[in-house]
Amino acid sequence: MVRGLVEHNAYIIDVRERGEYSNGHIKNALNIPLSELRERVSEIPKDKPIYLHCRTGQRSYNATLALQNLGFSNVYNITGSFLALSFYEYFNDKTKNRESIVTEYNFR
């Protein structure tokens, strides 16, 4: 699912903190940390689907609820988020010899 979102240029927001983001992220994902979400909400379009993720899914779940409370109706939490995605993509990238959709795998 996430690979399809990346390949179709979906609007993905990584709500992890900047240091986490710099250690590896989904290619083309915008970094808006959950701690800055309310201040930066004007950067998020309301006219297209928004996909949120973090390390485990908890912060992106909270961000999803926050955006829904602010009137966003087309917001989705990427289940499993970056930790699970790193494991899944690493295995498939290596066994299928395909290009990664993440800048760096992160297993911690």
PDB file of N, CA and C in Angstrom:
ATOM      1  N   MET A   1       0.816  -1.197   0.000  1.00  0.00           N
ATOM      2  CA  MET A   1       0.000   0.000   0.000  1.00  0.00           C
ATOM      3  C   MET A   1       0.864   1.266   0.000  1.00  0.00           C
ATOM      4  N   VAL A   2       1.857   1.336   0.889  1.00  0.00           N
ATOM      5  CA  VAL A   2       2.672   2.549   0.987  1.00  0.00           C
ATOM      6  C   VAL A   2       3.464   2.763  -0.292  1.00  0.00           C
ATOM      7  N   ARG A   3       3.986   1.690  -0.870  1.00  0.00           N
ATOM      8  CA  ARG A   3       4.729   1.814  -2.125  1.00  0.00           C
ATOM      9  C   ARG A   3       3.840   2.453  -3.191  1.00  0.00           C
ATOM     10  N   GLY A   4       2.599   2.042  -3.288  1.00  0.00           N
ATOM     11  CA  GLY A   4       1.672   2.635  -4.249  1.00  0.00           C
ATOM     12  C   GLY A   4       1.439   4.110  -3.984  1.00  0.00           C
ATOM     13  N   LEU A   5       1.336   4.483  -2.722  1.00  0.00           N
ATOM     14  CA  LEU A   5       1.168   5.900  -2.372  1.00  0.00           C
ATOM     15  C   LEU A   5       2.370   6.711  -2.829  1.00  0.00           C
ATOM     16  N   VAL A   6       3.559   6.201  -2.579  1.00  0.00           N
ATOM     17  CA  VAL A   6       4.783   6.908  -2.967  1.00  0.00           C
ATOM     18  C   VAL A   6       4.871   7.011  -4.487  1.00  0.00           C
ATOM     19  N   GLU A   7       4.613   5.903  -5.173  1.00  0.00           N
ATOM     20  CA  GLU A   7       4.719   5.886  -6.632  1.00  0.00           C
ATOM     21  C   GLU A   7       3.694   6.782  -7.312  1.00  0.00           C
ATOM     22  N   HIS A   8       2.584   7.062  -6.618  1.00  0.00           N
ATOM     23  CA  HIS A   8       1.547   7.939  -7.175  1.00  0.00           C
ATOM     24  C   HIS A   8       1.579   9.340  -6.557  1.00  0.00           C
ATOM     25  N   ASN A   9       2.689   9.667  -5.915  1.00  0.00           N
ATOM     26  CA  ASN A   9       2.904  11.008  -5.346  1.00  0.00           C
ATOM     27  C   ASN A   9       1.825  11.454  -4.365  1.00  0.00           C
ATOM     28  N   ALA A  10       1.386  10.536  -3.514  1.00  0.00           N
ATOM     29  CA  ALA A  10       0.405  10.885  -2.486  1.00  0.00           C
ATOM     30  C   ALA A  10       1.016  11.898  -1.519  1.00  0.00           C
ATOM     31  N   TYR A  11       0.167  12.649  -0.839  1.00  0.00           N
ATOM     32  CA  TYR A  11       0.609  13.653   0.128  1.00  0.00           C
ATOM     33  C   TYR A  11       0.814  12.945   1.466  1.00  0.00           C
ATOM     34  N   ILE A  12       2.068  12.647   1.781  1.00  0.00           N
ATOM     35  CA  ILE A  12       2.419  11.910   2.994  1.00  0.00           C
ATOM     36  C   ILE A  12       3.117  12.852   3.967  1.00  0.00           C
ATOM     37  N   ILE A  13       2.644  12.836   5.208  1.00  0.00           N
ATOM     38  CA  ILE A  13       3.260  13.647   6.258  1.00  0.00           C
ATOM     39  C   ILE A  13       3.855  12.721   7.313  1.00  0.00           C
ATOM     40  N   ASP A  14       5.103  12.941   7.611  1.00  0.00           N
ATOM     41  CA  ASP A  14       5.823  12.222   8.657  1.00  0.00           C
ATOM     42  C   ASP A  14       5.753  13.089   9.911  1.00  0.00           C
ATOM     43  N   VAL A  15       5.077  12.602  10.950  1.00  0.00           N
ATOM     44  CA  VAL A  15       4.875  13.415  12.153  1.00  0.00           C
ATOM     45  C   VAL A  15       5.921  13.148  13.240  1.00  0.00           C
ATOM     46  N   ARG A  16       6.981  12.436  12.881  1.00  0.00           N
ATOM     47  CA  ARG A  16       8.074  12.226  13.833  1.00  0.00           C
ATOM     48  C   ARG A  16       8.878  13.518  13.986  1.00  0.00           C
ATOM     49  N   GLU A  17       9.686  13.585  15.016  1.00  0.00           N
ATOM     50  CA  GLU A  17      10.538  14.751  15.238  1.00  0.00           C
ATOM     51  C   GLU A  17      11.630  14.804  14.170  1.00  0.00           C
ATOM     52  N   ARG A  18      12.218  15.970  13.999  1.00  0.00           N
ATOM     53  CA  ARG A  18      13.192  16.194  12.918  1.00  0.00           C
ATOM     54  C   ARG A  18      14.365  15.220  12.945  1.00  0.00           C
ATOM     55  N   GLY A  19      14.882  14.927  14.123  1.00  0.00           N
ATOM     56  CA  GLY A  19      16.004  13.988  14.229  1.00  0.00           C
ATOM     57  C   GLY A  19      15.638  12.604  13.740  1.00  0.00           C
ATOM     58  N   GLU A  20      14.439  12.154  14.073  1.00  0.00           N
ATOM     59  CA  GLU A  20      13.970  10.850  13.608  1.00  0.00           C
ATOM     60  C   GLU A  20      13.829  10.849  12.092  1.00  0.00           C
ATOM     61  N   TYR A  21      13.243  11.908  11.571  1.00  0.00           N
ATOM     62  CA  TYR A  21      13.039  12.056  10.127  1.00  0.00           C
ATOM     63  C   TYR A  21      14.375  12.026   9.392  1.00  0.00           C
ATOM     64  N   SER A  22      15.369  12.714   9.923  1.00  0.00           N
ATOM     65  CA  SER A  22      16.667  12.784   9.244  1.00  0.00           C
ATOM     66  C   SER A  22      17.400  11.448   9.251  1.00  0.00           C
ATOM     67  N   ASN A  23      17.017  10.536  10.146  1.00  0.00           N
ATOM     68  CA  ASN A  23      17.627   9.203  10.186  1.00  0.00           C
ATOM     69  C   ASN A  23      16.997   8.237   9.197  1.00  0.00           C
ATOM     70  N   GLY A  24      16.044   8.683   8.420  1.00  0.00           N
ATOM     71  CA  GLY A  24      15.380   7.856   7.415  1.00  0.00           C
ATOM     72  C   GLY A  24      13.910   8.166   7.363  1.00  0.00           C
ATOM     73  N   HIS A  25      13.385   8.304   6.149  1.00  0.00           N
ATOM     74  CA  HIS A  25      11.963   8.626   5.983  1.00  0.00           C
ATOM     75  C   HIS A  25      11.466   8.142   4.623  1.00  0.00           C
ATOM     76  N   ILE A  26      10.166   8.145   4.451  1.00  0.00           N
ATOM     77  CA  ILE A  26       9.565   7.808   3.165  1.00  0.00           C
ATOM     78  C   ILE A  26       9.932   8.917   2.187  1.00  0.00           C
ATOM     79  N   LYS A  27      10.384   8.522   1.022  1.00  0.00           N
ATOM     80  CA  LYS A  27      10.778   9.513   0.014  1.00  0.00           C
ATOM     81  C   LYS A  27       9.618  10.453  -0.291  1.00  0.00           C
ATOM     82  N   ASN A  28       9.922  11.727  -0.363  1.00  0.00           N
ATOM     83  CA  ASN A  28       8.979  12.809  -0.659  1.00  0.00           C
ATOM     84  C   ASN A  28       7.976  13.098   0.453  1.00  0.00           C
ATOM     85  N   ALA A  29       8.121  12.465   1.615  1.00  0.00           N
ATOM     86  CA  ALA A  29       7.228  12.774   2.742  1.00  0.00           C
ATOM     87  C   ALA A  29       7.624  14.116   3.349  1.00  0.00           C
ATOM     88  N   LEU A  30       6.627  14.908   3.673  1.00  0.00           N
ATOM     89  CA  LEU A  30       6.838  16.195   4.332  1.00  0.00           C
ATOM     90  C   LEU A  30       6.954  15.958   5.832  1.00  0.00           C
ATOM     91  N   ASN A  31       7.924  16.561   6.472  1.00  0.00           N
ATOM     92  CA  ASN A  31       8.087  16.410   7.915  1.00  0.00           C
ATOM     93  C   ASN A  31       7.400  17.560   8.646  1.00  0.00           C
ATOM     94  N   ILE A  32       6.298  17.225   9.310  1.00  0.00           N
ATOM     95  CA  ILE A  32       5.632  18.157  10.224  1.00  0.00           C
ATOM     96  C   ILE A  32       5.481  17.403  11.542  1.00  0.00           C
ATOM     97  N   PRO A  33       6.411  17.592  12.478  1.00  0.00           N
ATOM     98  CA  PRO A  33       6.330  16.880  13.750  1.00  0.00           C
ATOM     99  C   PRO A  33       4.994  17.131  14.455  1.00  0.00           C
ATOM    100  N   LEU A  34       4.514  16.113  15.144  1.00  0.00           N
ATOM    101  CA  LEU A  34       3.263  16.253  15.891  1.00  0.00           C
ATOM    102  C   LEU A  34       3.331  17.459  16.820  1.00  0.00           C
ATOM    103  N   SER A  35       4.494  17.710  17.397  1.00  0.00           N
ATOM    104  CA  SER A  35       4.654  18.845  18.314  1.00  0.00           C
ATOM    105  C   SER A  35       4.481  20.201  17.622  1.00  0.00           C
ATOM    106  N   GLU A  36       4.539  20.232  16.294  1.00  0.00           N
ATOM    107  CA  GLU A  36       4.386  21.478  15.533  1.00  0.00           C
ATOM    108  C   GLU A  36       3.114  21.502  14.687  1.00  0.00           C
ATOM    109  N   LEU A  37       2.316  20.464  14.779  1.00  0.00           N
ATOM    110  CA  LEU A  37       1.174  20.300  13.873  1.00  0.00           C
ATOM    111  C   LEU A  37       0.209  21.481  13.904  1.00  0.00           C
ATOM    112  N   ARG A  38      -0.202  21.902  15.064  1.00  0.00           N
ATOM    113  CA  ARG A  38      -1.181  23.000  15.145  1.00  0.00           C
ATOM    114  C   ARG A  38      -0.634  24.300  14.570  1.00  0.00           C
ATOM    115  N   GLU A  39       0.653  24.561  14.769  1.00  0.00           N
ATOM    116  CA  GLU A  39       1.258  25.786  14.233  1.00  0.00           C
ATOM    117  C   GLU A  39       1.449  25.725  12.718  1.00  0.00           C
ATOM    118  N   ARG A  40       1.541  24.515  12.168  1.00  0.00           N
ATOM    119  CA  ARG A  40       1.854  24.370  10.742  1.00  0.00           C
ATOM    120  C   ARG A  40       0.687  23.827   9.918  1.00  0.00           C
ATOM    121  N   VAL A  41      -0.488  23.797  10.502  1.00  0.00           N
ATOM    122  CA  VAL A  41      -1.648  23.217   9.828  1.00  0.00           C
ATOM    123  C   VAL A  41      -1.960  23.919   8.505  1.00  0.00           C
ATOM    124  N   SER A  42      -1.593  25.174   8.369  1.00  0.00           N
ATOM    125  CA  SER A  42      -1.861  25.905   7.119  1.00  0.00           C
ATOM    126  C   SER A  42      -1.058  25.354   5.940  1.00  0.00           C
ATOM    127  N   GLU A  43      -0.029  24.563   6.208  1.00  0.00           N
ATOM    128  CA  GLU A  43       0.773  23.953   5.146  1.00  0.00           C
ATOM    129  C   GLU A  43       0.108  22.715   4.551  1.00  0.00           C
ATOM    130  N   ILE A  44      -0.953  22.252   5.179  1.00  0.00           N
ATOM    131  CA  ILE A  44      -1.588  20.995   4.784  1.00  0.00           C
ATOM    132  C   ILE A  44      -2.826  21.283   3.943  1.00  0.00           C
ATOM    133  N   PRO A  45      -2.881  20.747   2.726  1.00  0.00           N
ATOM    134  CA  PRO A  45      -4.041  20.998   1.865  1.00  0.00           C
ATOM    135  C   PRO A  45      -5.277  20.244   2.344  1.00  0.00           C
ATOM    136  N   LYS A  46      -6.423  20.890   2.232  1.00  0.00           N
ATOM    137  CA  LYS A  46      -7.679  20.236   2.601  1.00  0.00           C
ATOM    138  C   LYS A  46      -8.357  19.587   1.401  1.00  0.00           C
ATOM    139  N   ASP A  47      -7.824  19.834   0.203  1.00  0.00           N
ATOM    140  CA  ASP A  47      -8.492  19.364  -1.008  1.00  0.00           C
ATOM    141  C   ASP A  47      -7.918  18.068  -1.573  1.00  0.00           C
ATOM    142  N   LYS A  48      -7.086  17.370  -0.802  1.00  0.00           N
ATOM    143  CA  LYS A  48      -6.541  16.096  -1.270  1.00  0.00           C
ATOM    144  C   LYS A  48      -6.359  15.155  -0.093  1.00  0.00           C
ATOM    145  N   PRO A  49      -6.301  13.859  -0.357  1.00  0.00           N
ATOM    146  CA  PRO A  49      -6.076  12.902   0.732  1.00  0.00           C
ATOM    147  C   PRO A  49      -4.717  13.137   1.395  1.00  0.00           C
ATOM    148  N   ILE A  50      -4.701  13.021   2.710  1.00  0.00           N
ATOM    149  CA  ILE A  50      -3.488  13.198   3.500  1.00  0.00           C
ATOM    150  C   ILE A  50      -3.205  11.873   4.213  1.00  0.00           C
ATOM    151  N   TYR A  51      -1.978  11.390   4.078  1.00  0.00           N
ATOM    152  CA  TYR A  51      -1.554  10.147   4.722  1.00  0.00           C
ATOM    153  C   TYR A  51      -0.490  10.483   5.761  1.00  0.00           C
ATOM    154  N   LEU A  52      -0.719  10.037   6.998  1.00  0.00           N
ATOM    155  CA  LEU A  52       0.172  10.354   8.109  1.00  0.00           C
ATOM    156  C   LEU A  52       0.893   9.105   8.589  1.00  0.00           C
ATOM    157  N   HIS A  53       2.137   9.287   8.994  1.00  0.00           N
ATOM    158  CA  HIS A  53       2.849   8.169   9.597  1.00  0.00           C
ATOM    159  C   HIS A  53       3.867   8.663  10.600  1.00  0.00           C
ATOM    160  N   CYS A  54       4.310   7.732  11.444  1.00  0.00           N
ATOM    161  CA  CYS A  54       5.341   8.004  12.441  1.00  0.00           C
ATOM    162  C   CYS A  54       6.146   6.720  12.618  1.00  0.00           C
ATOM    163  N   ARG A  55       6.744   6.511  13.757  1.00  0.00           N
ATOM    164  CA  ARG A  55       7.564   5.318  13.971  1.00  0.00           C
ATOM    165  C   ARG A  55       6.710   4.071  14.193  1.00  0.00           C
ATOM    166  N   THR A  56       5.685   4.177  15.043  1.00  0.00           N
ATOM    167  CA  THR A  56       4.878   3.001  15.377  1.00  0.00           C
ATOM    168  C   THR A  56       3.401   3.143  15.055  1.00  0.00           C
ATOM    169  N   GLY A  57       2.938   4.338  14.830  1.00  0.00           N
ATOM    170  CA  GLY A  57       1.532   4.563  14.525  1.00  0.00           C
ATOM    171  C   GLY A  57       0.784   5.378  15.558  1.00  0.00           C
ATOM    172  N   GLN A  58       1.344   5.537  16.754  1.00  0.00           N
ATOM    173  CA  GLN A  58       0.636   6.257  17.815  1.00  0.00           C
ATOM    174  C   GLN A  58       0.569   7.761  17.558  1.00  0.00           C
ATOM    175  N   ARG A  59       1.688   8.378  17.248  1.00  0.00           N
ATOM    176  CA  ARG A  59       1.679   9.825  16.988  1.00  0.00           C
ATOM    177  C   ARG A  59       0.871  10.151  15.741  1.00  0.00           C
ATOM    178  N   SER A  60       0.977   9.312  14.717  1.00  0.00           N
ATOM    179  CA  SER A  60       0.206   9.586  13.500  1.00  0.00           C
ATOM    180  C   SER A  60      -1.288   9.392  13.752  1.00  0.00           C
ATOM    181  N   TYR A  61      -1.646   8.472  14.641  1.00  0.00           N
ATOM    182  CA  TYR A  61      -3.048   8.312  15.040  1.00  0.00           C
ATOM    183  C   TYR A  61      -3.532   9.592  15.725  1.00  0.00           C
ATOM    184  N   ASN A  62      -2.731  10.112  16.653  1.00  0.00           N
ATOM    185  CA  ASN A  62      -3.100  11.357  17.341  1.00  0.00           C
ATOM    186  C   ASN A  62      -3.185  12.522  16.361  1.00  0.00           C
ATOM    187  N   ALA A  63      -2.270  12.571  15.392  1.00  0.00           N
ATOM    188  CA  ALA A  63      -2.292  13.630  14.380  1.00  0.00           C
ATOM    189  C   ALA A  63      -3.528  13.506  13.497  1.00  0.00           C
ATOM    190  N   THR A  64      -3.917  12.278  13.182  1.00  0.00           N
ATOM    191  CA  THR A  64      -5.122  12.047  12.381  1.00  0.00           C
ATOM    192  C   THR A  64      -6.342  12.610  13.101  1.00  0.00           C
ATOM    193  N   LEU A  65      -6.472  12.293  14.379  1.00  0.00           N
ATOM    194  CA  LEU A  65      -7.600  12.809  15.172  1.00  0.00           C
ATOM    195  C   LEU A  65      -7.567  14.331  15.256  1.00  0.00           C
ATOM    196  N   ALA A  66      -6.382  14.894  15.461  1.00  0.00           N
ATOM    197  CA  ALA A  66      -6.253  16.354  15.556  1.00  0.00           C
ATOM    198  C   ALA A  66      -6.688  17.021  14.257  1.00  0.00           C
ATOM    199  N   LEU A  67      -6.248  16.487  13.123  1.00  0.00           N
ATOM    200  CA  LEU A  67      -6.628  17.082  11.834  1.00  0.00           C
ATOM    201  C   LEU A  67      -8.122  16.922  11.566  1.00  0.00           C
ATOM    202  N   GLN A  68      -8.685  15.777  11.937  1.00  0.00           N
ATOM    203  CA  GLN A  68     -10.130  15.592  11.777  1.00  0.00           C
ATOM    204  C   GLN A  68     -10.882  16.613  12.621  1.00  0.00           C
ATOM    205  N   ASN A  69     -10.415  16.870  13.824  1.00  0.00           N
ATOM    206  CA  ASN A  69     -11.048  17.873  14.687  1.00  0.00           C
ATOM    207  C   ASN A  69     -10.907  19.283  14.137  1.00  0.00           C
ATOM    208  N   LEU A  70      -9.911  19.490  13.266  1.00  0.00           N
ATOM    209  CA  LEU A  70      -9.705  20.798  12.637  1.00  0.00           C
ATOM    210  C   LEU A  70     -10.421  20.907  11.287  1.00  0.00           C
ATOM    211  N   GLY A  71     -11.232  19.898  10.955  1.00  0.00           N
ATOM    212  CA  GLY A  71     -12.031  19.969   9.741  1.00  0.00           C
ATOM    213  C   GLY A  71     -11.508  19.212   8.538  1.00  0.00           C
ATOM    214  N   PHE A  72     -10.406  18.494   8.683  1.00  0.00           N
ATOM    215  CA  PHE A  72      -9.896  17.674   7.584  1.00  0.00           C
ATOM    216  C   PHE A  72     -10.704  16.379   7.544  1.00  0.00           C
ATOM    217  N   SER A  73     -11.230  16.047   6.378  1.00  0.00           N
ATOM    218  CA  SER A  73     -12.072  14.856   6.289  1.00  0.00           C
ATOM    219  C   SER A  73     -11.417  13.703   5.538  1.00  0.00           C
ATOM    220  N   ASN A  74     -10.358  13.967   4.818  1.00  0.00           N
ATOM    221  CA  ASN A  74      -9.722  12.958   3.978  1.00  0.00           C
ATOM    222  C   ASN A  74      -8.313  12.667   4.511  1.00  0.00           C
ATOM    223  N   VAL A  75      -8.246  12.196   5.779  1.00  0.00           N
ATOM    224  CA  VAL A  75      -6.979  11.977   6.473  1.00  0.00           C
ATOM    225  C   VAL A  75      -6.877  10.512   6.881  1.00  0.00           C
ATOM    226  N   TYR A  76      -5.708   9.915   6.641  1.00  0.00           N
ATOM    227  CA  TYR A  76      -5.520   8.491   6.905  1.00  0.00           C
ATOM    228  C   TYR A  76      -4.225   8.245   7.665  1.00  0.00           C
ATOM    229  N   ASN A  77      -4.293   7.347   8.637  1.00  0.00           N
ATOM    230  CA  ASN A  77      -3.116   6.927   9.385  1.00  0.00           C
ATOM    231  C   ASN A  77      -2.542   5.697   8.690  1.00  0.00           C
ATOM    232  N   ILE A  78      -1.276   5.745   8.301  1.00  0.00           N
ATOM    233  CA  ILE A  78      -0.640   4.589   7.666  1.00  0.00           C
ATOM    234  C   ILE A  78      -0.352   3.559   8.752  1.00  0.00           C
ATOM    235  N   THR A  79      -1.051   2.447   8.720  1.00  0.00           N
ATOM    236  CA  THR A  79      -0.940   1.401   9.728  1.00  0.00           C
ATOM    237  C   THR A  79       0.463   0.803   9.752  1.00  0.00           C
ATOM    238  N   GLY A  80       0.987   0.605  10.946  1.00  0.00           N
ATOM    239  CA  GLY A  80       2.307   0.002  11.094  1.00  0.00           C
ATOM    240  C   GLY A  80       3.428   1.011  11.069  1.00  0.00           C
ATOM    241  N   SER A  81       3.278   2.005  10.264  1.00  0.00           N
ATOM    242  CA  SER A  81       4.193   3.130  10.144  1.00  0.00           C
ATOM    243  C   SER A  81       5.631   2.754   9.849  1.00  0.00           C
ATOM    244  N   PHE A  82       6.576   3.642  10.165  1.00  0.00           N
ATOM    245  CA  PHE A  82       7.921   3.551   9.599  1.00  0.00           C
ATOM    246  C   PHE A  82       8.710   2.332  10.056  1.00  0.00           C
ATOM    247  N   LEU A  83       8.559   1.918  11.285  1.00  0.00           N
ATOM    248  CA  LEU A  83       9.299   0.756  11.776  1.00  0.00           C
ATOM    249  C   LEU A  83       8.925  -0.497  10.983  1.00  0.00           C
ATOM    250  N   ALA A  84       7.640  -0.783  10.881  1.00  0.00           N
ATOM    251  CA  ALA A  84       7.188  -1.952  10.118  1.00  0.00           C
ATOM    252  C   ALA A  84       7.509  -1.803   8.640  1.00  0.00           C
ATOM    253  N   LEU A  85       7.357  -0.600   8.118  1.00  0.00           N
ATOM    254  CA  LEU A  85       7.657  -0.350   6.711  1.00  0.00           C
ATOM    255  C   LEU A  85       9.127  -0.632   6.406  1.00  0.00           C
ATOM    256  N   SER A  86      10.023  -0.235   7.297  1.00  0.00           N
ATOM    257  CA  SER A  86      11.451  -0.488   7.093  1.00  0.00           C
ATOM    258  C   SER A  86      11.736  -1.982   6.982  1.00  0.00           C
ATOM    259  N   PHE A  87      11.180  -2.780   7.884  1.00  0.00           N
ATOM    260  CA  PHE A  87      11.385  -4.229   7.825  1.00  0.00           C
ATOM    261  C   PHE A  87      10.820  -4.803   6.526  1.00  0.00           C
ATOM    262  N   TYR A  88       9.591  -4.453   6.213  1.00  0.00           N
ATOM    263  CA  TYR A  88       8.926  -4.982   5.019  1.00  0.00           C
ATOM    264  C   TYR A  88       9.661  -4.579   3.747  1.00  0.00           C
ATOM    265  N   GLU A  89       9.970  -3.304   3.622  1.00  0.00           N
ATOM    266  CA  GLU A  89      10.630  -2.817   2.411  1.00  0.00           C
ATOM    267  C   GLU A  89      12.046  -3.366   2.285  1.00  0.00           C
ATOM    268  N   TYR A  90      12.781  -3.453   3.385  1.00  0.00           N
ATOM    269  CA  TYR A  90      14.141  -3.982   3.330  1.00  0.00           C
ATOM    270  C   TYR A  90      14.130  -5.394   2.755  1.00  0.00           C
ATOM    271  N   PHE A  91      13.288  -6.248   3.309  1.00  0.00           N
ATOM    272  CA  PHE A  91      13.212  -7.630   2.834  1.00  0.00           C
ATOM    273  C   PHE A  91      12.852  -7.679   1.352  1.00  0.00           C
ATOM    274  N   ASN A  92      11.803  -6.979   0.961  1.00  0.00           N
ATOM    275  CA  ASN A  92      11.357  -7.018  -0.433  1.00  0.00           C
ATOM    276  C   ASN A  92      12.325  -6.324  -1.387  1.00  0.00           C
ATOM    277  N   ASP A  93      12.937  -5.236  -0.944  1.00  0.00           N
ATOM    278  CA  ASP A  93      13.910  -4.555  -1.802  1.00  0.00           C
ATOM    279  C   ASP A  93      15.100  -5.465  -2.080  1.00  0.00           C
ATOM    280  N   LYS A  94      15.566  -6.175  -1.056  1.00  0.00           N
ATOM    281  CA  LYS A  94      16.734  -7.047  -1.217  1.00  0.00           C
ATOM    282  C   LYS A  94      16.405  -8.303  -2.014  1.00  0.00           C
ATOM    283  N   THR A  95      15.245  -8.907  -1.770  1.00  0.00           N
ATOM    284  CA  THR A  95      14.925 -10.154  -2.473  1.00  0.00           C
ATOM    285  C   THR A  95      14.422  -9.923  -3.890  1.00  0.00           C
ATOM    286  N   LYS A  96      13.855  -8.756  -4.154  1.00  0.00           N
ATOM    287  CA  LYS A  96      13.322  -8.462  -5.490  1.00  0.00           C
ATOM    288  C   LYS A  96      14.186  -7.468  -6.258  1.00  0.00           C
ATOM    289  N   ASN A  97      15.288  -7.035  -5.632  1.00  0.00           N
ATOM    290  CA  ASN A  97      16.224  -6.103  -6.265  1.00  0.00           C
ATOM    291  C   ASN A  97      15.513  -4.870  -6.820  1.00  0.00           C
ATOM    292  N   ARG A  98      14.735  -4.223  -5.970  1.00  0.00           N
ATOM    293  CA  ARG A  98      13.987  -3.041  -6.406  1.00  0.00           C
ATOM    294  C   ARG A  98      14.465  -1.801  -5.660  1.00  0.00           C
ATOM    295  N   GLU A  99      14.125  -0.644  -6.204  1.00  0.00           N
ATOM    296  CA  GLU A  99      14.508   0.621  -5.589  1.00  0.00           C
ATOM    297  C   GLU A  99      13.702   0.857  -4.317  1.00  0.00           C
ATOM    298  N   SER A 100      14.370   1.349  -3.308  1.00  0.00           N
ATOM    299  CA  SER A 100      13.734   1.615  -2.023  1.00  0.00           C
ATOM    300  C   SER A 100      12.833   2.847  -2.096  1.00  0.00           C
ATOM    301  N   ILE A 101      11.769   2.835  -1.295  1.00  0.00           N
ATOM    302  CA  ILE A 101      10.898   4.013  -1.190  1.00  0.00           C
ATOM    303  C   ILE A 101      11.220   4.808   0.071  1.00  0.00           C
ATOM    304  N   VAL A 102      12.256   4.383   0.792  1.00  0.00           N
ATOM    305  CA  VAL A 102      12.696   5.107   1.981  1.00  0.00           C
ATOM    306  C   VAL A 102      14.129   5.588   1.775  1.00  0.00           C
ATOM    307  N   THR A 103      14.478   6.691   2.436  1.00  0.00           N
ATOM    308  CA  THR A 103      15.835   7.221   2.290  1.00  0.00           C
ATOM    309  C   THR A 103      16.849   6.369   3.041  1.00  0.00           C
ATOM    310  N   GLU A 104      16.455   5.827   4.175  1.00  0.00           N
ATOM    311  CA  GLU A 104      17.274   4.915   4.986  1.00  0.00           C
ATOM    312  C   GLU A 104      16.319   3.992   5.722  1.00  0.00           C
ATOM    313  N   TYR A 105      16.677   2.709   5.829  1.00  0.00           N
ATOM    314  CA  TYR A 105      15.889   1.790   6.648  1.00  0.00           C
ATOM    315  C   TYR A 105      16.196   2.103   8.111  1.00  0.00           C
ATOM    316  N   ASN A 106      15.197   1.959   8.968  1.00  0.00           N
ATOM    317  CA  ASN A 106      15.393   2.226  10.385  1.00  0.00           C
ATOM    318  C   ASN A 106      14.723   1.107  11.162  1.00  0.00           C
ATOM    319  N   PHE A 107      15.520   0.316  11.862  1.00  0.00           N
ATOM    320  CA  PHE A 107      14.999  -0.846  12.581  1.00  0.00           C
ATOM    321  C   PHE A 107      14.937  -0.635  14.091  1.00  0.00           C
ATOM    322  N   ARG A 108      15.123   0.623  14.534  1.00  0.00           N
ATOM    323  CA  ARG A 108      15.060   0.907  15.973  1.00  0.00           C
ATOM    324  C   ARG A 108      13.984   1.914  16.259  1.00  0.00           C
TER     325      ARG A 108
END
